[in-house]
Amino acid sequence: FRQILAKRHTQAMETQYADLQDQAMQLDELIRTALAGQAALLTQCPNNSLGNQLKMVARMIGLRNVLGVSRQVFFVRLGGFDTHADQLAFHSQLLSTLALALKAFEDAMAELGTTSAVTTFTTSEFGRTLGSNGSGSDHGWGGNQMVIGGAVRGRDLYGAWPSLIVDGADDVGRGRIIPTTAVEQM
């Protein structure tokens, strides 16, 4: 692959692609080497997809000085919220997974001494309708989001709390509530 990238390219797009691939491979090697030399975190993270993702984020934050970065942005994912049936059981499990992983991540930030320098937040445009479809609910819009970190002035709610009454003032039809604060505003 390196030989292909090193080949002289006549097209500007090929040259740019080869340069970006080379930079990515160099960065990959730098990160792999830095991670291999890094002391293990003492904080125990849940051994699940979200816990493992946040553990890697914590490790990358721990390498910020070695990598020479002052601002890092990471995205992690927790799927499974598209529950049309058995919603109560699945939703409580998902929230438990989220809570345990976020707690471990905050503990890792304390261990790294970065609590006031790291802000974690959830975001999703996905929501559920107010009304039941029998054992769950259908797709809706918006929902509550969390913002967590040592620099966050907490216990505030932003946006207007909607009326959670089917066919009420904030229901635009079929139990769908339009949020007052868009995901993009987060």
Protein backbone atom coordinates (compact mmCIF):
# COMPACT_ATOMS: atom_id res chain seq x y z
CA PHE A 1 0.00 0.00 0.00
CA ARG A 2 2.84 2.38 0.83
CA GLN A 3 4.40 1.65 -2.58
CA ILE A 4 1.12 2.56 -4.27
CA LEU A 5 0.91 5.77 -2.27
CA ALA A 6 4.54 6.65 -3.05
CA LYS A 7 3.95 6.28 -6.80
CA ARG A 8 3.97 9.55 -8.71
CA HIS A 9 0.39 10.56 -9.44
CA THR A 10 -0.63 12.73 -12.37
CA GLN A 11 -4.07 13.68 -11.13
CA ALA A 12 -4.42 16.28 -8.36
CA MET A 13 -7.11 14.19 -6.64
CA GLU A 14 -4.89 11.10 -6.67
CA THR A 15 -2.02 13.09 -5.19
CA GLN A 16 -4.23 14.54 -2.47
CA TYR A 17 -5.69 11.11 -1.68
CA ALA A 18 -2.22 9.56 -1.44
CA ASP A 19 -1.03 12.40 0.81
CA LEU A 20 -4.03 12.03 3.12
CA GLN A 21 -3.61 8.26 3.30
CA ASP A 22 0.07 8.69 4.14
CA GLN A 23 -0.77 11.22 6.88
CA ALA A 24 -3.42 8.86 8.28
CA MET A 25 -0.96 5.97 8.42
CA GLN A 26 1.64 8.14 10.14
CA LEU A 27 -0.95 9.30 12.67
CA ASP A 28 -2.08 5.71 13.22
CA GLU A 29 1.51 4.68 13.98
CA LEU A 30 1.99 7.64 16.34
CA ILE A 31 -1.20 6.80 18.25
CA ARG A 32 -0.46 3.06 18.40
CA THR A 33 3.02 3.75 19.77
CA ALA A 34 1.71 6.27 22.30
CA LEU A 35 -1.07 3.92 23.46
CA ALA A 36 1.41 1.04 23.85
CA GLY A 37 3.58 3.17 26.15
CA GLN A 38 0.70 4.58 28.19
CA ALA A 39 0.08 3.46 31.77
CA ALA A 40 -3.22 1.64 32.20
CA LEU A 41 -6.15 3.54 33.68
CA LEU A 42 -7.04 2.46 37.20
CA THR A 43 -10.70 3.30 36.59
CA GLN A 44 -12.73 0.23 35.68
CA CYS A 45 -15.04 0.81 32.73
CA PRO A 46 -18.00 -1.44 31.93
CA ASN A 47 -17.03 -4.21 29.51
CA ASN A 48 -19.59 -3.37 26.84
CA SER A 49 -19.55 -1.38 23.61
CA LEU A 50 -20.18 2.03 25.20
CA GLY A 51 -17.84 1.37 28.13
CA ASN A 52 -15.07 0.31 25.75
CA GLN A 53 -15.60 3.32 23.50
CA LEU A 54 -15.44 5.73 26.45
CA LYS A 55 -12.39 3.93 27.83
CA MET A 56 -10.59 4.55 24.52
CA VAL A 57 -11.69 8.20 24.60
CA ALA A 58 -10.27 8.50 28.12
CA ARG A 59 -7.02 6.93 26.94
CA MET A 60 -6.83 9.39 24.03
CA ILE A 61 -7.47 12.31 26.40
CA GLY A 62 -4.68 10.92 28.56
CA LEU A 63 -2.36 11.18 25.53
CA ARG A 64 -3.21 14.80 24.74
CA ASN A 65 0.22 16.13 25.75
CA VAL A 66 2.11 13.32 24.02
CA LEU A 67 0.14 13.91 20.82
CA GLY A 68 0.44 17.68 21.13
CA VAL A 69 -3.28 18.40 20.94
CA SER A 70 -5.18 20.92 23.00
CA ARG A 71 -8.69 20.26 21.72
CA GLN A 72 -10.14 16.86 21.00
CA VAL A 73 -13.65 15.94 19.89
CA PHE A 74 -14.85 12.34 20.10
CA PHE A 75 -18.09 10.67 19.10
CA VAL A 76 -19.31 7.44 20.67
CA ARG A 77 -22.52 5.58 20.02
CA LEU A 78 -25.10 3.68 22.00
CA GLY A 79 -27.75 2.14 19.79
CA GLY A 80 -30.82 0.13 20.60
CA PHE A 81 -33.31 2.88 21.40
CA ASP A 82 -35.56 1.97 18.46
CA THR A 83 -37.83 -0.09 20.69
CA HIS A 84 -41.32 -0.50 19.32
CA ALA A 85 -42.09 -3.35 21.71
CA ASP A 86 -41.05 -4.19 25.29
CA GLN A 87 -39.99 -0.58 25.57
CA LEU A 88 -40.03 -0.37 29.36
CA ALA A 89 -37.65 -3.31 29.80
CA PHE A 90 -35.25 -2.32 27.02
CA HIS A 91 -35.25 1.39 27.86
CA SER A 92 -34.32 0.83 31.49
CA GLN A 93 -31.46 -1.46 30.43
CA LEU A 94 -30.18 1.13 27.96
CA LEU A 95 -30.32 3.92 30.53
CA SER A 96 -28.48 1.72 33.03
CA THR A 97 -25.77 1.01 30.43
CA LEU A 98 -25.49 4.74 29.73
CA ALA A 99 -25.37 5.70 33.41
CA LEU A 100 -22.68 3.17 34.33
CA ALA A 101 -20.50 4.08 31.34
CA LEU A 102 -20.81 7.84 31.96
CA LYS A 103 -19.99 7.37 35.65
CA ALA A 104 -16.86 5.37 34.78
CA PHE A 105 -15.87 8.01 32.22
CA GLU A 106 -16.26 10.82 34.76
CA ASP A 107 -14.16 8.77 37.22
CA ALA A 108 -11.49 8.36 34.53
CA MET A 109 -11.50 12.13 33.92
CA ALA A 110 -10.95 12.65 37.66
CA GLU A 111 -8.08 10.13 37.55
CA LEU A 112 -6.52 12.06 34.64
CA GLY A 113 -7.08 15.42 36.34
CA THR A 114 -9.19 16.67 33.43
CA THR A 115 -12.62 16.92 35.07
CA SER A 116 -12.98 20.66 34.52
CA ALA A 117 -11.52 20.51 30.99
CA VAL A 118 -13.83 17.82 29.54
CA THR A 119 -17.51 18.21 28.73
CA THR A 120 -19.59 15.20 27.78
CA PHE A 121 -23.02 15.46 26.27
CA THR A 122 -25.65 13.26 24.71
CA THR A 123 -27.43 14.16 21.53
CA SER A 124 -30.10 12.52 19.41
CA GLU A 125 -32.85 13.64 17.11
CA PHE A 126 -34.65 10.39 17.91
CA GLY A 127 -37.64 10.35 20.19
CA ARG A 128 -40.81 8.46 20.90
CA THR A 129 -44.46 9.36 20.64
CA LEU A 130 -46.59 9.94 23.71
CA GLY A 131 -49.13 7.25 22.92
CA SER A 132 -48.60 3.53 23.16
CA ASN A 133 -48.75 1.18 20.20
CA GLY A 134 -49.60 -1.66 22.58
CA SER A 135 -46.23 -2.52 24.12
CA GLY A 136 -44.06 0.44 23.10
CA SER A 137 -44.37 3.62 21.09
CA ASP A 138 -43.64 4.90 17.62
CA HIS A 139 -41.02 7.28 16.28
CA GLY A 140 -41.24 10.85 17.49
CA TRP A 141 -38.91 13.83 17.73
CA GLY A 142 -36.51 15.12 20.32
CA GLY A 143 -35.97 14.20 23.88
CA ASN A 144 -33.94 15.14 26.90
CA GLN A 145 -30.18 15.48 26.61
CA MET A 146 -27.49 15.53 29.27
CA VAL A 147 -24.44 17.77 29.59
CA ILE A 148 -21.85 16.56 32.10
CA GLY A 149 -18.48 17.82 33.29
CA GLY A 150 -16.67 19.73 35.97
CA ALA A 151 -17.08 23.08 34.18
CA VAL A 152 -20.82 22.57 33.62
CA ARG A 153 -23.09 24.66 35.79
CA GLY A 154 -25.62 21.93 36.33
CA ARG A 155 -29.19 21.46 37.38
CA ASP A 156 -30.50 23.74 34.65
CA LEU A 157 -33.13 22.86 32.09
CA TYR A 158 -33.05 24.57 28.71
CA GLY A 159 -35.96 24.86 26.37
CA ALA A 160 -39.59 24.74 27.37
CA TRP A 161 -40.93 21.63 29.06
CA PRO A 162 -43.76 20.39 26.85
CA SER A 163 -47.21 19.37 27.84
CA LEU A 164 -47.11 15.57 27.79
CA ILE A 165 -50.80 15.19 27.06
CA VAL A 166 -51.91 13.30 23.96
CA ASP A 167 -53.75 15.78 21.71
CA GLY A 168 -52.61 18.53 24.13
CA ALA A 169 -51.24 21.95 23.22
CA ASP A 170 -47.77 20.64 22.23
CA ASP A 171 -48.93 17.49 20.41
CA VAL A 172 -48.69 18.09 16.65
CA GLY A 173 -50.47 14.84 15.87
CA ARG A 174 -50.27 11.16 16.81
CA GLY A 175 -48.49 11.99 20.08
CA ARG A 176 -45.53 13.74 18.46
CA ILE A 177 -43.98 16.66 20.33
CA ILE A 178 -41.72 19.13 18.52
CA PRO A 179 -38.75 20.07 20.73
CA THR A 180 -38.13 23.73 21.56
CA THR A 181 -34.37 23.26 21.25
CA ALA A 182 -33.01 21.62 18.10
CA VAL A 183 -30.30 18.95 18.18
CA GLU A 184 -28.09 21.29 16.13
CA GLN A 185 -28.31 23.88 18.90
CA MET A 186 -26.74 21.44 21.32
